[in-house]
N, C-alpha and C. Protein backbone atom coordinates (compact mmCIF):
# COMPACT_ATOMS: atom_id res chain seq x y z
N ASN A 1 22.79 -6.69 -7.78
CA ASN A 1 21.41 -7.03 -8.34
C ASN A 1 21.51 -8.22 -9.08
N LYS A 2 20.53 -8.69 -9.79
CA LYS A 2 20.41 -10.05 -10.33
C LYS A 2 21.41 -9.98 -11.64
N ASP A 3 22.07 -9.13 -12.18
CA ASP A 3 23.14 -9.09 -13.06
C ASP A 3 24.52 -8.94 -12.28
N ASN A 4 24.46 -8.98 -10.93
CA ASN A 4 25.81 -9.06 -10.38
C ASN A 4 26.36 -7.73 -10.40
N LYS A 5 25.81 -6.77 -10.37
CA LYS A 5 26.19 -5.23 -10.40
C LYS A 5 26.11 -4.69 -9.03
N VAL A 6 27.02 -4.07 -8.33
CA VAL A 6 26.68 -3.48 -7.13
C VAL A 6 25.92 -2.30 -6.86
N ILE A 7 24.99 -2.46 -5.89
CA ILE A 7 23.83 -1.55 -5.73
C ILE A 7 24.31 -0.70 -4.61
N ALA A 8 24.94 -1.41 -3.61
CA ALA A 8 25.34 -0.66 -2.43
C ALA A 8 26.58 -1.29 -1.68
N CYS A 9 27.08 -0.75 -1.09
CA CYS A 9 28.37 -1.28 -0.12
C CYS A 9 28.04 -1.00 1.49
N VAL A 10 28.48 -2.23 2.07
CA VAL A 10 28.37 -1.90 3.42
C VAL A 10 29.88 -2.18 3.94
N TYR A 11 30.55 -1.26 4.37
CA TYR A 11 31.78 -1.48 4.93
C TYR A 11 31.71 -1.64 6.45
N ARG A 12 32.59 -2.58 7.00
CA ARG A 12 32.42 -2.96 8.42
C ARG A 12 33.69 -2.73 8.95
N TYR A 13 33.83 -2.15 10.20
CA TYR A 13 35.09 -1.92 10.95
C TYR A 13 35.05 -2.28 12.07
N ASP A 14 35.86 -3.23 12.75
CA ASP A 14 36.06 -3.44 14.39
C ASP A 14 36.85 -2.75 14.67
N THR A 15 36.39 -1.88 15.84
CA THR A 15 37.06 -0.98 16.27
C THR A 15 37.20 -1.25 17.91
N PRO A 16 37.89 -0.70 18.51
CA PRO A 16 38.23 -0.93 20.29
C PRO A 16 36.83 -0.62 20.75
N ASN A 17 36.11 0.15 20.16
CA ASN A 17 34.63 0.36 20.84
C ASN A 17 33.63 -0.13 20.15
N GLY A 18 33.85 -1.31 19.25
CA GLY A 18 32.70 -2.14 18.88
C GLY A 18 32.66 -2.08 17.45
N LYS A 19 31.65 -2.64 16.73
CA LYS A 19 31.59 -2.64 15.29
C LYS A 19 31.01 -1.35 14.97
N GLU A 20 31.78 -0.75 13.48
CA GLU A 20 31.17 0.34 13.00
C GLU A 20 30.69 0.02 11.38
N PHE A 21 29.81 0.94 10.87
CA PHE A 21 29.62 0.42 9.63
C PHE A 21 29.50 1.68 8.76
N ARG A 22 29.90 1.86 7.38
CA ARG A 22 29.76 2.73 6.58
C ARG A 22 29.22 2.22 5.54
N ILE A 23 28.16 2.98 4.83
CA ILE A 23 27.38 2.38 3.73
C ILE A 23 27.69 3.36 2.48
N TRP A 24 27.76 2.85 1.40
CA TRP A 24 27.77 3.65 0.00
C TRP A 24 26.75 3.12 -0.89
N ASP A 25 25.75 4.14 -1.10
CA ASP A 25 24.76 3.97 -2.26
C ASP A 25 25.33 4.13 -3.64
N VAL A 26 25.66 3.26 -4.42
CA VAL A 26 26.38 3.43 -5.48
C VAL A 26 25.81 4.26 -6.72
N SER A 27 24.35 3.94 -6.88
CA SER A 27 23.75 4.83 -7.98
C SER A 27 23.53 6.23 -7.39
N GLN A 28 23.56 6.51 -6.24
CA GLN A 28 23.56 8.04 -5.69
C GLN A 28 24.77 8.59 -5.68
N ARG A 29 26.02 7.57 -5.64
CA ARG A 29 27.12 8.20 -5.29
C ARG A 29 27.22 8.88 -3.99
N LYS A 30 26.53 8.23 -2.95
CA LYS A 30 26.55 9.27 -1.60
C LYS A 30 26.64 7.96 -0.48
N SER A 31 27.22 8.44 0.50
CA SER A 31 27.60 7.68 1.80
C SER A 31 26.25 7.71 2.66
N LYS A 32 25.16 6.96 2.10
CA LYS A 32 23.97 6.66 2.85
C LYS A 32 23.37 5.16 2.58
N ALA A 33 22.53 5.07 3.14
CA ALA A 33 21.76 3.66 2.64
C ALA A 33 20.85 3.96 1.53
N PRO A 34 20.53 3.26 0.54
CA PRO A 34 19.55 3.43 -0.63
C PRO A 34 18.13 3.68 0.16
N ASP A 35 17.34 4.57 -0.79
CA ASP A 35 15.91 4.44 -0.23
C ASP A 35 15.28 2.94 0.01
N ILE A 36 15.42 2.33 -1.03
CA ILE A 36 14.90 0.79 -0.90
C ILE A 36 16.11 0.08 -0.80
N ARG A 37 16.31 -0.73 0.32
CA ARG A 37 17.65 -1.41 0.56
C ARG A 37 17.81 -2.95 -0.08
N PRO A 38 18.56 -3.36 -0.75
CA PRO A 38 18.73 -4.75 -1.34
C PRO A 38 19.03 -5.70 -0.40
N LEU A 39 18.76 -6.91 -0.64
CA LEU A 39 19.09 -7.89 0.08
C LEU A 39 20.59 -8.28 -0.25
N TYR A 40 21.32 -8.99 0.38
CA TYR A 40 22.75 -9.40 0.28
C TYR A 40 22.57 -10.65 -0.74
N ASN A 41 23.40 -10.68 -1.61
CA ASN A 41 23.79 -11.97 -2.46
C ASN A 41 22.36 -12.22 -3.43
N ILE A 42 21.92 -11.21 -4.15
CA ILE A 42 20.73 -11.41 -4.83
C ILE A 42 20.85 -12.42 -6.06
N PRO A 43 22.13 -12.36 -6.65
CA PRO A 43 22.35 -13.41 -7.77
C PRO A 43 22.51 -14.95 -7.19
N GLY A 44 22.46 -15.04 -6.00
CA GLY A 44 22.41 -16.45 -5.22
C GLY A 44 21.23 -16.72 -4.76
N ILE A 45 20.34 -15.86 -4.40
CA ILE A 45 18.97 -15.99 -4.20
C ILE A 45 18.16 -16.33 -5.26
N ILE A 46 18.27 -15.60 -6.42
CA ILE A 46 17.72 -15.86 -7.73
C ILE A 46 17.67 -17.14 -8.00
N ASN A 47 19.11 -17.91 -7.73
CA ASN A 47 19.09 -19.21 -8.46
C ASN A 47 18.97 -20.33 -7.40
N SER A 48 18.27 -20.09 -6.14
CA SER A 48 18.01 -21.07 -5.56
C SER A 48 16.60 -20.96 -4.99
N LYS A 49 16.06 -21.99 -4.63
CA LYS A 49 14.94 -22.18 -3.96
C LYS A 49 14.80 -22.16 -2.52
N ARG A 50 15.98 -22.50 -1.91
CA ARG A 50 15.94 -22.28 -0.33
C ARG A 50 17.12 -21.34 -0.05
N ILE A 51 16.74 -20.07 0.98
CA ILE A 51 17.69 -19.34 1.40
C ILE A 51 17.43 -19.32 2.83
N ILE A 52 18.58 -19.10 3.51
CA ILE A 52 18.89 -18.98 4.95
C ILE A 52 19.15 -17.54 5.16
N ILE A 53 18.15 -16.94 5.97
CA ILE A 53 18.35 -15.31 6.19
C ILE A 53 19.28 -15.37 7.45
N VAL A 54 20.11 -14.50 7.53
CA VAL A 54 21.08 -14.36 9.08
C VAL A 54 21.13 -12.78 9.07
N GLU A 55 21.51 -12.49 10.15
CA GLU A 55 22.21 -11.28 10.80
C GLU A 55 23.35 -10.79 10.34
N GLY A 56 23.44 -10.32 9.15
CA GLY A 56 24.96 -9.56 8.89
C GLY A 56 25.67 -10.24 7.65
N GLU A 57 26.48 -9.52 6.95
CA GLU A 57 27.12 -10.20 5.90
C GLU A 57 27.93 -11.10 6.22
N LYS A 58 28.86 -10.95 7.42
CA LYS A 58 29.75 -11.82 7.91
C LYS A 58 29.36 -13.38 7.90
N SER A 59 28.14 -13.44 8.55
CA SER A 59 27.37 -14.74 8.65
C SER A 59 26.80 -15.39 7.46
N ALA A 60 26.60 -14.33 6.59
CA ALA A 60 25.95 -14.76 5.43
C ALA A 60 27.16 -15.42 4.53
N ASP A 61 28.25 -14.66 4.39
CA ASP A 61 29.36 -15.23 3.69
C ASP A 61 30.06 -16.45 4.23
N ALA A 62 29.99 -16.70 5.66
CA ALA A 62 30.44 -17.96 6.37
C ALA A 62 29.22 -18.97 5.63
N LEU A 63 28.09 -19.02 5.46
CA LEU A 63 27.19 -20.02 5.09
C LEU A 63 27.53 -20.12 3.50
N ILE A 64 27.74 -19.14 2.96
CA ILE A 64 27.89 -19.25 1.46
C ILE A 64 29.23 -20.07 1.01
N GLU A 65 30.21 -19.58 2.00
CA GLU A 65 31.53 -20.32 1.60
C GLU A 65 31.44 -21.94 2.22
N ALA A 66 30.51 -22.19 3.19
CA ALA A 66 30.11 -23.46 3.47
C ALA A 66 29.20 -24.30 2.28
N GLY A 67 28.61 -23.65 1.40
CA GLY A 67 27.85 -24.13 0.31
C GLY A 67 26.53 -23.77 0.38
N PHE A 68 25.97 -23.05 1.24
CA PHE A 68 24.53 -22.77 1.50
C PHE A 68 24.15 -21.46 0.74
N THR A 69 22.97 -21.18 0.34
CA THR A 69 22.34 -19.88 -0.20
C THR A 69 21.98 -19.11 1.00
N ALA A 70 22.50 -18.01 1.37
CA ALA A 70 22.25 -17.11 2.36
C ALA A 70 22.20 -15.86 1.97
N THR A 71 21.49 -14.97 2.96
CA THR A 71 21.45 -13.46 2.24
C THR A 71 21.16 -12.74 3.92
N THR A 72 21.18 -11.57 4.13
CA THR A 72 20.95 -10.89 5.14
C THR A 72 20.37 -9.48 4.42
N ALA A 73 19.51 -8.56 5.55
CA ALA A 73 19.22 -7.31 5.00
C ALA A 73 20.24 -6.36 5.45
N MET A 74 20.36 -5.13 4.84
CA MET A 74 21.00 -4.13 5.51
C MET A 74 20.84 -3.90 6.76
N PHE A 75 21.68 -3.73 7.58
CA PHE A 75 21.65 -3.45 9.05
C PHE A 75 21.00 -4.55 10.21
N GLY A 76 21.12 -6.05 9.32
CA GLY A 76 20.75 -7.06 10.15
C GLY A 76 19.30 -6.81 11.02
N ALA A 77 19.78 -7.14 12.48
CA ALA A 77 18.54 -7.08 13.21
C ALA A 77 17.76 -5.72 13.41
N ASN A 78 18.63 -4.80 13.11
CA ASN A 78 18.13 -3.43 12.97
C ASN A 78 17.58 -2.67 11.82
N ALA A 79 17.42 -3.68 10.52
CA ALA A 79 16.90 -3.45 9.54
C ALA A 79 15.56 -3.00 9.38
N PRO A 80 15.10 -1.89 8.99
CA PRO A 80 13.77 -1.70 8.73
C PRO A 80 13.13 -2.33 7.72
N LEU A 81 12.20 -3.17 8.23
CA LEU A 81 11.46 -4.13 7.18
C LEU A 81 10.81 -3.53 6.15
N HIS A 82 10.33 -2.28 6.24
CA HIS A 82 9.46 -1.85 5.40
C HIS A 82 10.48 -1.03 4.37
N LYS A 83 11.81 -0.85 4.67
CA LYS A 83 12.63 -0.18 3.71
C LYS A 83 13.56 -1.30 2.85
N THR A 84 13.29 -2.44 3.05
CA THR A 84 14.13 -3.65 2.18
C THR A 84 13.38 -4.15 1.22
N ASP A 85 13.88 -4.31 0.05
CA ASP A 85 13.23 -5.18 -1.02
C ASP A 85 13.43 -6.58 -0.76
N TRP A 86 12.17 -7.19 -0.33
CA TRP A 86 12.22 -8.33 -0.22
C TRP A 86 11.72 -9.31 -1.41
N SER A 87 11.37 -8.81 -2.42
CA SER A 87 10.58 -9.45 -3.50
C SER A 87 11.67 -10.46 -4.10
N PRO A 88 12.97 -10.65 -4.03
CA PRO A 88 13.75 -11.63 -4.40
C PRO A 88 13.26 -13.01 -3.67
N LEU A 89 12.57 -13.06 -2.62
CA LEU A 89 12.30 -14.07 -1.67
C LEU A 89 11.11 -14.58 -2.21
N LYS A 90 10.28 -14.09 -3.18
CA LYS A 90 8.98 -14.41 -3.54
C LYS A 90 9.10 -16.05 -3.90
N ASN A 91 8.17 -16.60 -3.09
CA ASN A 91 7.94 -18.19 -3.50
C ASN A 91 9.24 -19.02 -3.09
N LYS A 92 9.83 -18.51 -2.48
CA LYS A 92 11.13 -19.30 -1.86
C LYS A 92 11.18 -19.88 -0.26
N GLU A 93 11.81 -20.94 -0.19
CA GLU A 93 11.79 -21.65 0.94
C GLU A 93 12.96 -20.91 1.75
N ILE A 94 12.40 -20.28 3.02
CA ILE A 94 13.18 -19.34 3.78
C ILE A 94 13.43 -19.99 5.23
N ILE A 95 14.59 -20.13 5.61
CA ILE A 95 14.98 -20.47 7.22
C ILE A 95 15.63 -19.23 7.62
N ILE A 96 15.33 -18.87 8.89
CA ILE A 96 15.70 -17.59 9.48
C ILE A 96 16.53 -18.02 10.62
N TRP A 97 18.01 -17.74 10.63
CA TRP A 97 18.64 -18.05 11.73
C TRP A 97 19.12 -16.78 12.31
N PRO A 98 18.44 -16.46 13.63
CA PRO A 98 18.79 -15.33 14.50
C PRO A 98 19.95 -15.71 15.25
N ASP A 99 20.67 -14.59 15.45
CA ASP A 99 21.71 -14.44 16.49
C ASP A 99 21.19 -14.84 17.96
N ASN A 100 21.91 -15.31 18.78
CA ASN A 100 21.37 -15.96 20.34
C ASN A 100 21.39 -14.73 21.12
N ASP A 101 20.29 -13.73 20.86
CA ASP A 101 20.07 -12.68 21.89
C ASP A 101 18.74 -12.24 21.53
N GLU A 102 18.45 -11.29 22.53
CA GLU A 102 17.03 -10.78 22.48
C GLU A 102 16.75 -9.78 21.04
N ALA A 103 17.61 -9.35 20.60
CA ALA A 103 17.42 -8.40 19.44
C ALA A 103 17.07 -9.49 18.35
N GLY A 104 18.05 -10.63 18.13
CA GLY A 104 17.87 -11.44 17.32
C GLY A 104 16.78 -12.29 17.15
N ILE A 105 16.20 -12.81 18.39
CA ILE A 105 15.13 -13.53 18.36
C ILE A 105 13.80 -12.65 18.16
N ASP A 106 13.76 -11.18 18.70
CA ASP A 106 12.73 -10.49 18.04
C ASP A 106 12.80 -10.28 17.03
N TYR A 107 13.91 -9.95 16.00
CA TYR A 107 14.11 -9.62 15.06
C TYR A 107 13.40 -10.67 13.87
N ALA A 108 13.74 -11.93 14.29
CA ALA A 108 13.07 -13.38 13.55
C ALA A 108 11.90 -13.32 13.53
N LYS A 109 11.16 -13.00 14.72
CA LYS A 109 9.72 -12.90 14.79
C LYS A 109 9.03 -12.28 13.78
N LYS A 110 9.46 -10.72 13.92
CA LYS A 110 8.99 -9.80 13.02
C LYS A 110 9.19 -9.95 11.68
N LEU A 111 10.25 -10.70 11.39
CA LEU A 111 10.69 -10.91 10.02
C LEU A 111 9.91 -12.13 9.42
N SER A 112 9.62 -12.89 10.26
CA SER A 112 8.75 -14.08 9.76
C SER A 112 7.15 -13.90 9.52
N ASP A 113 6.88 -12.50 10.39
CA ASP A 113 5.49 -12.06 10.01
C ASP A 113 5.62 -11.40 8.80
N HIS A 114 6.41 -10.92 8.75
CA HIS A 114 6.70 -9.73 7.64
C HIS A 114 6.83 -10.39 6.06
N LEU A 115 7.39 -11.70 6.06
CA LEU A 115 7.27 -12.36 4.91
C LEU A 115 6.31 -13.51 4.59
N GLN A 116 5.26 -13.55 5.44
CA GLN A 116 4.26 -14.36 5.49
C GLN A 116 3.51 -14.55 3.86
N ASN A 117 3.34 -13.40 3.54
CA ASN A 117 2.62 -13.33 2.03
C ASN A 117 3.79 -13.24 0.86
N THR A 118 5.16 -13.57 1.20
CA THR A 118 6.11 -13.53 0.21
C THR A 118 6.61 -14.88 -0.04
N ALA A 119 7.02 -15.67 0.84
CA ALA A 119 7.93 -16.82 1.07
C ALA A 119 6.72 -18.05 0.80
N LEU A 120 7.27 -18.99 0.29
CA LEU A 120 6.54 -20.24 0.27
C LEU A 120 6.55 -21.20 1.50
N PHE A 121 7.70 -21.02 2.25
CA PHE A 121 7.96 -21.52 3.52
C PHE A 121 8.87 -20.74 4.36
N ILE A 122 8.52 -20.50 5.69
CA ILE A 122 9.21 -19.92 6.57
C ILE A 122 9.52 -21.00 7.78
N SER A 123 10.72 -20.53 8.24
CA SER A 123 10.92 -21.28 9.75
C SER A 123 11.85 -20.60 10.36
N THR A 124 11.85 -20.54 11.50
CA THR A 124 12.91 -19.77 12.44
C THR A 124 13.49 -21.03 13.34
N LEU A 125 14.75 -20.92 13.19
CA LEU A 125 15.71 -21.70 14.00
C LEU A 125 15.84 -21.05 15.63
N ALA A 126 15.92 -21.95 16.54
CA ALA A 126 15.99 -21.45 17.68
C ALA A 126 17.41 -21.73 18.13
N PRO A 127 18.45 -20.82 18.42
CA PRO A 127 19.69 -21.22 18.88
C PRO A 127 19.80 -22.15 19.96
N PRO A 128 20.57 -23.29 19.89
CA PRO A 128 20.90 -24.33 20.91
C PRO A 128 21.09 -23.45 22.45
N GLU A 129 20.23 -23.87 23.52
CA GLU A 129 20.16 -23.19 24.64
C GLU A 129 21.67 -23.16 25.32
N SER A 130 22.63 -24.02 24.86
CA SER A 130 23.86 -24.31 25.41
C SER A 130 24.89 -23.35 24.64
N LYS A 131 24.49 -22.40 23.94
CA LYS A 131 25.39 -21.43 23.18
C LYS A 131 25.56 -20.34 23.91
N LYS A 132 26.54 -19.41 23.89
CA LYS A 132 26.81 -18.10 24.46
C LYS A 132 25.68 -17.12 23.87
N ASP A 133 25.93 -16.03 24.67
CA ASP A 133 24.97 -14.78 24.17
C ASP A 133 25.73 -14.47 23.16
N LYS A 134 24.78 -14.05 21.99
CA LYS A 134 25.33 -13.29 20.81
C LYS A 134 26.07 -14.45 19.67
N TRP A 135 25.80 -15.82 20.30
CA TRP A 135 26.34 -16.73 19.21
C TRP A 135 25.47 -16.64 17.92
N ASP A 136 26.18 -16.99 16.87
CA ASP A 136 25.61 -16.63 15.42
C ASP A 136 26.11 -17.69 14.64
N VAL A 137 25.84 -17.72 13.32
CA VAL A 137 26.42 -18.59 12.28
C VAL A 137 27.87 -18.63 12.01
N TYR A 138 28.34 -17.58 12.00
CA TYR A 138 29.60 -17.29 12.00
C TYR A 138 30.36 -18.16 13.03
N ASP A 139 29.84 -17.89 14.36
CA ASP A 139 30.43 -18.82 15.38
C ASP A 139 30.31 -20.09 15.12
N ALA A 140 29.08 -20.63 14.49
CA ALA A 140 29.02 -22.00 14.16
C ALA A 140 29.88 -22.63 13.40
N ILE A 141 29.99 -21.80 12.37
CA ILE A 141 31.00 -22.30 11.30
C ILE A 141 32.37 -22.61 11.97
N LYS A 142 32.86 -21.43 12.55
CA LYS A 142 34.10 -21.56 13.26
C LYS A 142 34.17 -22.77 14.04
N GLU A 143 33.33 -22.95 14.96
CA GLU A 143 33.52 -23.99 15.91
C GLU A 143 33.12 -25.55 15.18
N LYS A 144 32.76 -25.40 13.88
CA LYS A 144 32.65 -26.80 13.19
C LYS A 144 31.40 -27.34 13.74
N PHE A 145 30.36 -26.57 14.11
CA PHE A 145 29.07 -26.93 14.57
C PHE A 145 28.24 -27.58 13.39
N ASP A 146 27.76 -28.72 13.63
CA ASP A 146 26.93 -29.49 12.55
C ASP A 146 25.73 -28.45 11.87
N VAL A 147 26.04 -27.62 11.00
CA VAL A 147 25.04 -26.71 10.45
C VAL A 147 23.84 -27.46 9.45
N ARG A 148 24.43 -28.57 8.86
CA ARG A 148 23.41 -29.08 7.89
C ARG A 148 22.35 -29.87 9.03
N THR A 149 22.69 -30.56 9.87
CA THR A 149 21.65 -31.09 10.84
C THR A 149 20.95 -29.99 11.53
N PHE A 150 21.54 -29.03 11.87
CA PHE A 150 20.68 -27.92 12.49
C PHE A 150 19.65 -27.24 11.40
N LEU A 151 20.01 -27.18 10.36
CA LEU A 151 19.34 -26.68 9.19
C LEU A 151 18.05 -27.54 9.00
N ASN A 152 18.40 -28.99 9.03
CA ASN A 152 17.24 -29.88 8.94
C ASN A 152 16.32 -30.11 9.93
N SER A 153 16.52 -29.37 11.07
CA SER A 153 15.63 -29.42 12.22
C SER A 153 14.51 -28.16 11.86
N ALA A 154 14.57 -27.31 11.00
CA ALA A 154 13.70 -26.53 10.72
C ALA A 154 12.32 -27.22 10.34
N LYS A 155 11.23 -26.39 10.85
CA LYS A 155 10.08 -27.06 10.72
C LYS A 155 9.12 -25.97 9.93
N SER A 156 8.39 -26.26 8.92
CA SER A 156 7.44 -25.38 8.13
C SER A 156 6.44 -24.62 9.05
N THR A 157 6.51 -23.33 8.94
CA THR A 157 4.98 -22.86 9.34
C THR A 157 3.87 -22.70 8.48
N ASP A 158 4.20 -23.34 7.28
CA ASP A 158 3.16 -23.30 6.08
C ASP A 158 2.64 -24.62 5.92
N LEU A 159 1.45 -25.00 5.91
CA LEU A 159 0.86 -26.26 5.76
C LEU A 159 1.38 -26.91 4.44
N LYS A 160 1.56 -25.99 3.40
CA LYS A 160 1.79 -26.66 2.03
C LYS A 160 3.22 -27.46 1.88
N LEU A 161 4.12 -27.21 3.15
CA LEU A 161 5.52 -28.12 3.09
C LEU A 161 5.55 -28.39 4.54
N PRO A 162 5.37 -29.85 4.87
CA PRO A 162 5.46 -30.30 6.16
C PRO A 162 6.71 -30.32 6.65
N SER A 163 7.80 -30.34 5.98
CA SER A 163 9.17 -30.48 6.52
C SER A 163 10.18 -29.82 5.66
N TYR A 164 11.50 -29.97 5.92
CA TYR A 164 12.51 -29.06 5.31
C TYR A 164 13.81 -29.97 5.10
N SER A 165 14.47 -30.16 4.20
CA SER A 165 15.64 -31.01 4.21
C SER A 165 16.73 -30.17 3.33
N ILE A 166 18.01 -30.11 3.75
CA ILE A 166 18.87 -29.53 3.12
C ILE A 166 19.35 -30.63 1.97
N ASP A 167 19.60 -30.39 1.02
CA ASP A 167 20.06 -31.48 0.05
C ASP A 167 21.74 -31.57 -0.02
């Protein structure tokens, strides 16, 4: 939360059969998602005007370690938008960086529409066509992709802000 107290935990396990997740609701002390799901990195969001929304904590952490403010919704592209507390993004400048797959692109469109009355600025990045299926922020950081230039390619969907620049 804004006071840096844990609300919920998402544990990720990479198994031979794929990713598995376990959720822990701290206040309810139960292995379940909270009824209203918090965004990841709320203290960082509150202290920043510009936030990059990605699909998953691993990608958010990669951007945070690279010096950007990032967040994700619990369950990434599968997040139920109506169960997530988006209020920390009120009047913020938002860039949505989807994974390079159909689910990611679809989620980015739905999320952009959902945040129209919340955010000051919303832009969705299109993953470069040359990138492999499922390419994401984590892959970009690992391959030393020019993240800053890519983020600066964001264009506003709001007439109040004609362009975006990562300082």
